[in-house]
N, C-alpha and C. Protein backbone atom coordinates (compact mmCIF):
# COMPACT_ATOMS: atom_id res chain seq x y z
N MET A 1 108.68 117.13 77.94
CA MET A 1 107.42 117.22 78.67
C MET A 1 107.66 117.94 80.00
N ASN A 2 106.68 118.72 80.39
CA ASN A 2 106.76 119.35 81.71
C ASN A 2 106.36 118.32 82.78
N PRO A 3 106.55 118.63 84.06
CA PRO A 3 106.26 117.64 85.11
C PRO A 3 104.81 117.13 85.12
N ILE A 4 103.85 118.00 84.86
CA ILE A 4 102.45 117.54 84.84
C ILE A 4 102.25 116.56 83.69
N GLU A 5 102.82 116.87 82.53
CA GLU A 5 102.70 115.95 81.38
C GLU A 5 103.39 114.62 81.67
N ARG A 6 104.54 114.67 82.34
CA ARG A 6 105.22 113.42 82.72
C ARG A 6 104.36 112.63 83.70
N PHE A 7 103.73 113.34 84.66
CA PHE A 7 102.82 112.71 85.61
C PHE A 7 101.69 112.02 84.85
N VAL A 8 101.06 112.72 83.92
CA VAL A 8 99.95 112.16 83.15
C VAL A 8 100.42 110.96 82.33
N PHE A 9 101.60 111.06 81.74
CA PHE A 9 102.16 109.94 80.98
C PHE A 9 102.29 108.70 81.86
N GLU A 10 102.88 108.86 83.03
CA GLU A 10 103.06 107.72 83.93
C GLU A 10 101.71 107.21 84.44
N PHE A 11 100.79 108.10 84.72
CA PHE A 11 99.47 107.74 85.25
C PHE A 11 98.63 107.04 84.19
N ASN A 12 98.51 107.64 83.02
CA ASN A 12 97.59 107.14 82.00
C ASN A 12 98.17 106.07 81.10
N ILE A 13 99.44 106.15 80.78
CA ILE A 13 100.04 105.22 79.82
C ILE A 13 100.74 104.06 80.52
N ARG A 14 101.62 104.36 81.44
CA ARG A 14 102.41 103.31 82.09
C ARG A 14 101.76 102.78 83.36
N HIS A 15 100.78 103.52 83.90
CA HIS A 15 100.09 103.13 85.14
C HIS A 15 101.09 103.02 86.30
N ASP A 16 102.14 103.81 86.24
CA ASP A 16 103.20 103.77 87.24
C ASP A 16 102.96 104.86 88.28
N TYR A 17 102.07 104.56 89.21
CA TYR A 17 101.66 105.55 90.21
C TYR A 17 102.80 105.91 91.15
N PHE A 18 103.69 104.97 91.38
CA PHE A 18 104.86 105.25 92.22
C PHE A 18 105.70 106.34 91.57
N GLU A 19 105.92 106.22 90.27
CA GLU A 19 106.71 107.23 89.55
C GLU A 19 105.97 108.57 89.50
N CYS A 20 104.66 108.53 89.39
CA CYS A 20 103.87 109.78 89.44
C CYS A 20 104.18 110.54 90.72
N HIS A 21 104.16 109.82 91.82
CA HIS A 21 104.47 110.41 93.12
C HIS A 21 105.86 111.02 93.11
N GLU A 22 106.83 110.28 92.59
CA GLU A 22 108.22 110.75 92.58
C GLU A 22 108.36 112.04 91.75
N ILE A 23 107.72 112.08 90.59
CA ILE A 23 107.84 113.23 89.68
C ILE A 23 107.35 114.51 90.36
N LEU A 24 106.14 114.47 90.89
CA LEU A 24 105.58 115.70 91.46
C LEU A 24 106.14 116.02 92.83
N GLU A 25 106.54 115.02 93.58
CA GLU A 25 107.16 115.30 94.88
C GLU A 25 108.45 116.08 94.68
N GLU A 26 109.21 115.69 93.66
CA GLU A 26 110.46 116.39 93.36
C GLU A 26 110.19 117.85 93.01
N VAL A 27 109.19 118.10 92.18
CA VAL A 27 108.84 119.47 91.81
C VAL A 27 108.38 120.25 93.04
N TRP A 28 107.55 119.63 93.84
CA TRP A 28 107.01 120.28 95.03
C TRP A 28 108.13 120.63 96.01
N GLN A 29 109.06 119.70 96.21
CA GLN A 29 110.16 119.93 97.15
C GLN A 29 111.14 120.98 96.64
N GLU A 30 111.31 121.04 95.32
CA GLU A 30 112.21 122.05 94.76
C GLU A 30 111.61 123.45 94.85
N GLY A 31 110.34 123.51 95.17
CA GLY A 31 109.70 124.81 95.32
C GLY A 31 109.31 125.47 94.02
N GLN A 32 109.39 124.72 92.91
CA GLN A 32 108.99 125.30 91.63
C GLN A 32 107.52 125.68 91.65
N ARG A 33 106.72 124.85 92.32
CA ARG A 33 105.29 125.12 92.42
C ARG A 33 104.82 124.58 93.76
N GLN A 34 105.13 125.29 94.79
CA GLN A 34 104.72 124.82 96.12
C GLN A 34 103.25 125.13 96.33
N ASP A 35 102.41 124.25 95.87
CA ASP A 35 100.99 124.46 96.10
C ASP A 35 100.31 123.13 96.41
N GLU A 36 99.18 123.24 97.02
CA GLU A 36 98.42 122.06 97.44
C GLU A 36 97.83 121.31 96.26
N ALA A 37 97.74 121.95 95.09
CA ALA A 37 97.24 121.26 93.91
C ALA A 37 98.14 120.08 93.57
N LEU A 38 99.45 120.30 93.65
CA LEU A 38 100.39 119.20 93.40
C LEU A 38 100.22 118.10 94.43
N VAL A 39 100.02 118.49 95.67
CA VAL A 39 99.82 117.49 96.73
C VAL A 39 98.57 116.66 96.42
N GLY A 40 97.52 117.30 95.92
CA GLY A 40 96.31 116.56 95.55
C GLY A 40 96.58 115.51 94.49
N LEU A 41 97.37 115.86 93.47
CA LEU A 41 97.71 114.88 92.43
C LEU A 41 98.62 113.79 92.98
N ILE A 42 99.56 114.17 93.83
CA ILE A 42 100.44 113.18 94.46
C ILE A 42 99.59 112.19 95.26
N GLN A 43 98.66 112.72 96.05
CA GLN A 43 97.80 111.84 96.85
C GLN A 43 96.91 110.96 95.98
N LEU A 44 96.46 111.47 94.85
CA LEU A 44 95.66 110.65 93.93
C LEU A 44 96.50 109.47 93.43
N ALA A 45 97.75 109.73 93.07
CA ALA A 45 98.63 108.66 92.60
C ALA A 45 98.89 107.65 93.72
N VAL A 46 99.11 108.14 94.93
CA VAL A 46 99.34 107.24 96.08
C VAL A 46 98.10 106.38 96.33
N ALA A 47 96.93 106.99 96.25
CA ALA A 47 95.69 106.23 96.44
C ALA A 47 95.55 105.14 95.38
N ARG A 48 95.87 105.47 94.13
CA ARG A 48 95.78 104.47 93.05
C ARG A 48 96.77 103.32 93.32
N TYR A 49 97.95 103.68 93.77
CA TYR A 49 98.97 102.66 94.06
C TYR A 49 98.48 101.71 95.15
N HIS A 50 97.95 102.26 96.24
CA HIS A 50 97.42 101.42 97.33
C HIS A 50 96.22 100.61 96.86
N HIS A 51 95.36 101.23 96.09
CA HIS A 51 94.14 100.56 95.61
C HIS A 51 94.52 99.33 94.78
N ARG A 52 95.44 99.52 93.84
CA ARG A 52 95.85 98.41 92.97
C ARG A 52 96.49 97.27 93.78
N ARG A 53 97.17 97.60 94.85
CA ARG A 53 97.83 96.58 95.67
C ARG A 53 96.91 95.97 96.71
N GLY A 54 95.63 96.39 96.73
CA GLY A 54 94.65 95.77 97.62
C GLY A 54 94.48 96.45 98.96
N ASN A 55 95.16 97.55 99.19
CA ASN A 55 95.01 98.29 100.44
C ASN A 55 93.86 99.29 100.27
N THR A 56 92.63 98.77 100.27
CA THR A 56 91.48 99.63 99.99
C THR A 56 91.21 100.63 101.10
N THR A 57 91.48 100.27 102.34
CA THR A 57 91.26 101.20 103.44
C THR A 57 92.18 102.42 103.30
N GLY A 58 93.45 102.18 103.10
CA GLY A 58 94.40 103.28 102.90
C GLY A 58 94.09 104.07 101.64
N ALA A 59 93.68 103.37 100.60
CA ALA A 59 93.33 104.04 99.34
C ALA A 59 92.15 104.98 99.54
N GLN A 60 91.11 104.51 100.21
CA GLN A 60 89.92 105.33 100.39
C GLN A 60 90.23 106.59 101.21
N ARG A 61 91.03 106.44 102.24
CA ARG A 61 91.42 107.61 103.05
C ARG A 61 92.20 108.61 102.21
N THR A 62 93.11 108.09 101.39
CA THR A 62 93.94 108.97 100.58
C THR A 62 93.14 109.60 99.45
N TYR A 63 92.19 108.85 98.87
CA TYR A 63 91.31 109.45 97.85
C TYR A 63 90.57 110.65 98.43
N ALA A 64 90.04 110.51 99.64
CA ALA A 64 89.28 111.61 100.25
C ALA A 64 90.14 112.86 100.37
N LYS A 65 91.38 112.70 100.83
CA LYS A 65 92.28 113.84 100.95
C LYS A 65 92.61 114.43 99.58
N ALA A 66 92.87 113.53 98.62
CA ALA A 66 93.24 113.98 97.27
C ALA A 66 92.11 114.78 96.63
N PHE A 67 90.91 114.22 96.65
CA PHE A 67 89.79 114.91 95.99
C PHE A 67 89.45 116.22 96.69
N ASP A 68 89.65 116.29 97.99
CA ASP A 68 89.43 117.55 98.70
C ASP A 68 90.39 118.63 98.19
N LYS A 69 91.67 118.27 98.08
CA LYS A 69 92.67 119.24 97.59
C LYS A 69 92.42 119.58 96.13
N ILE A 70 92.09 118.59 95.33
CA ILE A 70 91.83 118.82 93.90
C ILE A 70 90.66 119.79 93.74
N GLU A 71 89.63 119.59 94.52
CA GLU A 71 88.46 120.47 94.44
C GLU A 71 88.81 121.90 94.88
N ARG A 72 89.58 122.03 95.94
CA ARG A 72 89.94 123.36 96.45
C ARG A 72 90.92 124.10 95.54
N HIS A 73 91.68 123.37 94.73
CA HIS A 73 92.70 123.99 93.88
C HIS A 73 92.41 123.74 92.40
N ARG A 74 91.14 123.73 92.10
CA ARG A 74 90.63 123.46 90.76
C ARG A 74 91.30 124.34 89.69
N ALA A 75 91.36 125.63 89.91
CA ALA A 75 91.87 126.56 88.89
C ALA A 75 93.31 126.26 88.50
N SER A 76 94.15 125.99 89.48
CA SER A 76 95.55 125.68 89.21
C SER A 76 95.68 124.41 88.37
N LEU A 77 94.88 123.41 88.68
CA LEU A 77 94.95 122.14 87.95
C LEU A 77 94.38 122.28 86.54
N ILE A 78 93.32 123.04 86.39
CA ILE A 78 92.76 123.28 85.05
C ILE A 78 93.81 123.97 84.19
N ALA A 79 94.50 124.96 84.75
CA ALA A 79 95.55 125.66 84.01
C ALA A 79 96.69 124.73 83.61
N SER A 80 96.86 123.64 84.36
CA SER A 80 97.91 122.65 84.06
C SER A 80 97.45 121.61 83.04
N GLY A 81 96.17 121.64 82.67
CA GLY A 81 95.68 120.71 81.66
C GLY A 81 94.84 119.57 82.18
N ILE A 82 94.51 119.57 83.47
CA ILE A 82 93.69 118.52 84.07
C ILE A 82 92.22 118.91 83.95
N ASP A 83 91.39 118.00 83.47
CA ASP A 83 89.95 118.25 83.37
C ASP A 83 89.32 117.95 84.74
N VAL A 84 89.40 118.92 85.61
CA VAL A 84 88.99 118.75 87.01
C VAL A 84 87.50 118.48 87.12
N SER A 85 86.69 119.15 86.33
CA SER A 85 85.23 118.93 86.41
C SER A 85 84.90 117.48 86.13
N TYR A 86 85.47 116.93 85.07
CA TYR A 86 85.22 115.53 84.73
C TYR A 86 85.74 114.62 85.84
N LEU A 87 86.93 114.90 86.33
CA LEU A 87 87.52 114.08 87.39
C LEU A 87 86.63 114.04 88.62
N LEU A 88 86.19 115.20 89.07
CA LEU A 88 85.36 115.25 90.27
C LEU A 88 83.98 114.66 90.05
N ASP A 89 83.42 114.86 88.85
CA ASP A 89 82.11 114.27 88.54
C ASP A 89 82.15 112.75 88.50
N HIS A 90 83.34 112.20 88.25
CA HIS A 90 83.49 110.74 88.11
C HIS A 90 84.39 110.15 89.19
N ARG A 91 84.51 110.82 90.31
CA ARG A 91 85.40 110.32 91.37
C ARG A 91 84.98 108.94 91.88
N ASP A 92 83.70 108.63 91.79
CA ASP A 92 83.24 107.31 92.25
C ASP A 92 83.83 106.18 91.42
N HIS A 93 84.24 106.46 90.18
CA HIS A 93 84.90 105.44 89.36
C HIS A 93 86.26 105.07 89.96
N PHE A 94 86.92 106.06 90.53
CA PHE A 94 88.23 105.83 91.16
C PHE A 94 88.07 105.08 92.48
N THR A 95 87.06 105.44 93.24
CA THR A 95 86.94 104.92 94.60
C THR A 95 86.17 103.60 94.68
N ASN A 96 85.77 103.06 93.56
CA ASN A 96 85.10 101.76 93.53
C ASN A 96 85.95 100.73 94.26
N LYS A 97 85.32 99.79 94.95
CA LYS A 97 86.08 98.80 95.74
C LYS A 97 87.03 97.96 94.89
N ILE A 98 86.63 97.64 93.68
CA ILE A 98 87.48 96.82 92.80
C ILE A 98 88.34 97.75 91.95
N TYR A 99 89.66 97.56 92.02
CA TYR A 99 90.58 98.40 91.25
C TYR A 99 90.46 98.09 89.77
N ARG A 100 90.46 99.12 88.99
CA ARG A 100 90.68 99.02 87.54
C ARG A 100 91.31 100.33 87.12
N HIS A 101 92.12 100.26 86.07
CA HIS A 101 92.79 101.49 85.65
C HIS A 101 91.77 102.46 85.08
N ILE A 102 91.86 103.69 85.52
CA ILE A 102 91.03 104.77 85.02
C ILE A 102 91.97 105.92 84.69
N PRO A 103 91.97 106.36 83.44
CA PRO A 103 92.88 107.46 83.08
C PRO A 103 92.50 108.77 83.76
N LEU A 104 93.50 109.56 84.05
CA LEU A 104 93.28 110.89 84.57
C LEU A 104 92.76 111.75 83.42
N PRO A 105 91.61 112.40 83.57
CA PRO A 105 91.08 113.19 82.46
C PRO A 105 91.89 114.47 82.25
N VAL A 106 92.33 114.65 81.01
CA VAL A 106 93.13 115.83 80.67
C VAL A 106 92.60 116.44 79.38
N PHE A 107 93.01 117.67 79.12
CA PHE A 107 92.59 118.39 77.93
C PHE A 107 93.43 117.97 76.72
N PRO A 108 92.92 118.20 75.49
CA PRO A 108 93.57 117.71 74.26
C PRO A 108 95.04 118.06 74.11
N ASP A 109 95.48 119.24 74.50
CA ASP A 109 96.90 119.59 74.35
C ASP A 109 97.79 118.63 75.14
N VAL A 110 97.37 118.27 76.33
CA VAL A 110 98.15 117.34 77.15
C VAL A 110 98.10 115.95 76.53
N ILE A 111 96.94 115.55 76.03
CA ILE A 111 96.80 114.24 75.39
C ILE A 111 97.77 114.12 74.22
N ARG A 112 97.86 115.15 73.39
CA ARG A 112 98.77 115.11 72.23
C ARG A 112 100.22 114.95 72.68
N THR A 113 100.63 115.73 73.66
CA THR A 113 102.02 115.65 74.13
C THR A 113 102.33 114.28 74.71
N VAL A 114 101.44 113.77 75.52
CA VAL A 114 101.65 112.48 76.18
C VAL A 114 101.61 111.34 75.17
N ALA A 115 100.74 111.43 74.18
CA ALA A 115 100.61 110.36 73.18
C ALA A 115 101.91 110.15 72.41
N LEU A 116 102.68 111.19 72.23
CA LEU A 116 103.95 111.07 71.51
C LEU A 116 104.95 110.19 72.26
N GLU A 117 104.78 110.05 73.56
CA GLU A 117 105.70 109.26 74.39
C GLU A 117 105.18 107.86 74.72
N ALA A 118 104.00 107.53 74.24
CA ALA A 118 103.29 106.33 74.69
C ALA A 118 104.01 105.03 74.34
N THR A 119 104.13 104.15 75.36
CA THR A 119 104.59 102.78 75.21
C THR A 119 103.79 101.92 76.19
N ALA A 120 103.72 100.65 75.94
CA ALA A 120 102.96 99.76 76.82
C ALA A 120 103.70 99.58 78.15
N PRO A 121 102.98 99.61 79.26
CA PRO A 121 103.62 99.46 80.57
C PRO A 121 103.90 98.00 80.92
N ASP A 122 104.90 97.79 81.75
CA ASP A 122 105.16 96.50 82.36
C ASP A 122 104.44 96.52 83.70
N LEU A 123 103.18 96.06 83.71
CA LEU A 123 102.33 96.21 84.89
C LEU A 123 102.86 95.48 86.12
N ASP A 124 103.48 94.33 85.92
CA ASP A 124 104.02 93.61 87.07
C ASP A 124 105.12 94.43 87.74
N TYR A 125 105.97 95.04 86.92
CA TYR A 125 107.05 95.87 87.46
C TYR A 125 106.49 97.07 88.22
N VAL A 126 105.56 97.81 87.60
CA VAL A 126 105.08 99.02 88.27
C VAL A 126 104.22 98.71 89.49
N THR A 127 103.61 97.53 89.53
CA THR A 127 102.82 97.14 90.70
C THR A 127 103.71 96.89 91.91
N HIS A 128 104.88 96.32 91.68
CA HIS A 128 105.78 95.94 92.77
C HIS A 128 107.08 96.75 92.78
N LYS A 129 107.06 97.90 92.15
CA LYS A 129 108.27 98.72 91.97
C LYS A 129 108.97 99.03 93.29
N HIS A 130 108.21 99.34 94.32
CA HIS A 130 108.83 99.72 95.59
C HIS A 130 109.64 98.58 96.18
N ARG A 131 109.32 97.36 95.83
CA ARG A 131 110.07 96.21 96.35
C ARG A 131 111.29 95.89 95.50
N LEU A 132 111.32 96.38 94.27
CA LEU A 132 112.37 96.01 93.33
C LEU A 132 113.50 97.02 93.24
N ARG A 133 113.30 98.22 93.77
CA ARG A 133 114.32 99.25 93.63
C ARG A 133 115.47 99.03 94.61
N ASP A 134 116.61 99.61 94.30
CA ASP A 134 117.78 99.51 95.17
C ASP A 134 117.59 100.45 96.35
N ARG A 135 117.53 99.88 97.54
CA ARG A 135 117.30 100.67 98.75
C ARG A 135 118.52 100.64 99.67
N THR A 136 119.67 100.33 99.12
CA THR A 136 120.88 100.21 99.92
C THR A 136 121.13 101.45 100.76
N ASP A 137 120.98 102.64 100.15
CA ASP A 137 121.25 103.88 100.88
C ASP A 137 120.25 104.08 102.02
N VAL A 138 118.99 103.71 101.82
CA VAL A 138 117.97 103.85 102.86
C VAL A 138 118.26 102.89 104.01
N VAL A 139 118.57 101.64 103.67
CA VAL A 139 118.86 100.63 104.69
C VAL A 139 120.10 101.03 105.49
N THR A 140 121.13 101.49 104.80
CA THR A 140 122.36 101.92 105.47
C THR A 140 122.08 103.07 106.43
N ALA A 141 121.32 104.06 105.98
CA ALA A 141 120.99 105.21 106.83
C ALA A 141 120.20 104.77 108.06
N ARG A 142 119.28 103.85 107.89
CA ARG A 142 118.50 103.35 109.04
C ARG A 142 119.38 102.61 110.03
N GLN A 143 120.30 101.80 109.50
CA GLN A 143 121.21 101.06 110.38
C GLN A 143 122.11 102.02 111.16
N GLU A 144 122.59 103.07 110.49
CA GLU A 144 123.43 104.05 111.16
C GLU A 144 122.65 104.78 112.25
N ALA A 145 121.42 105.16 111.96
CA ALA A 145 120.58 105.85 112.94
C ALA A 145 120.31 104.95 114.15
N LEU A 146 120.05 103.68 113.90
CA LEU A 146 119.81 102.73 114.98
C LEU A 146 121.07 102.59 115.84
N GLN A 147 122.22 102.49 115.20
CA GLN A 147 123.47 102.37 115.94
C GLN A 147 123.73 103.62 116.76
N ASN A 148 123.44 104.80 116.19
CA ASN A 148 123.62 106.06 116.94
C ASN A 148 122.72 106.11 118.16
N ARG A 149 121.47 105.64 118.03
CA ARG A 149 120.56 105.61 119.18
C ARG A 149 121.08 104.65 120.25
N ARG A 150 121.58 103.52 119.81
CA ARG A 150 122.13 102.54 120.77
C ARG A 150 123.34 103.12 121.49
N ASP A 151 124.20 103.81 120.73
CA ASP A 151 125.41 104.40 121.32
C ASP A 151 125.05 105.46 122.36
N ARG A 152 124.00 106.24 122.10
CA ARG A 152 123.58 107.29 123.03
C ARG A 152 122.96 106.71 124.30
N SER A 153 122.35 105.56 124.19
CA SER A 153 121.67 104.97 125.35
C SER A 153 122.63 104.22 126.27
N ILE A 154 123.85 104.06 125.84
CA ILE A 154 124.84 103.33 126.67
C ILE A 154 125.45 104.23 127.69
């Protein structure tokens, strides 16, 4: 699967919005497709993640940014298999105050590819994934940076 198909798989099948963010951020940072269309999808996944966890204020702000980018970069996303017209026409389903899973609308070719990989998600895991991952390297780097700041101030 290409990165967009992997994104759709995680979004629609596993509901793993955190992983959606990781997939496209990696592509965007590698410069394979440095465009705002990817940022729009990344922001949509981030908004879904916040929405599901009850951070509706953050979700609503991020939805606004995401839908703005998605609308402005419609052609690129359509070429990637995203049904942008349907998505934008139904954006209110995403931004409803009460979270519920809503699949990202895609064209049949993407549906076929993604369906071949389909398995049931572990929703508890994907909801709290950021708390369950190994962050030893992040914590160590933060501690080193703090120590360096302390050393400089002495």
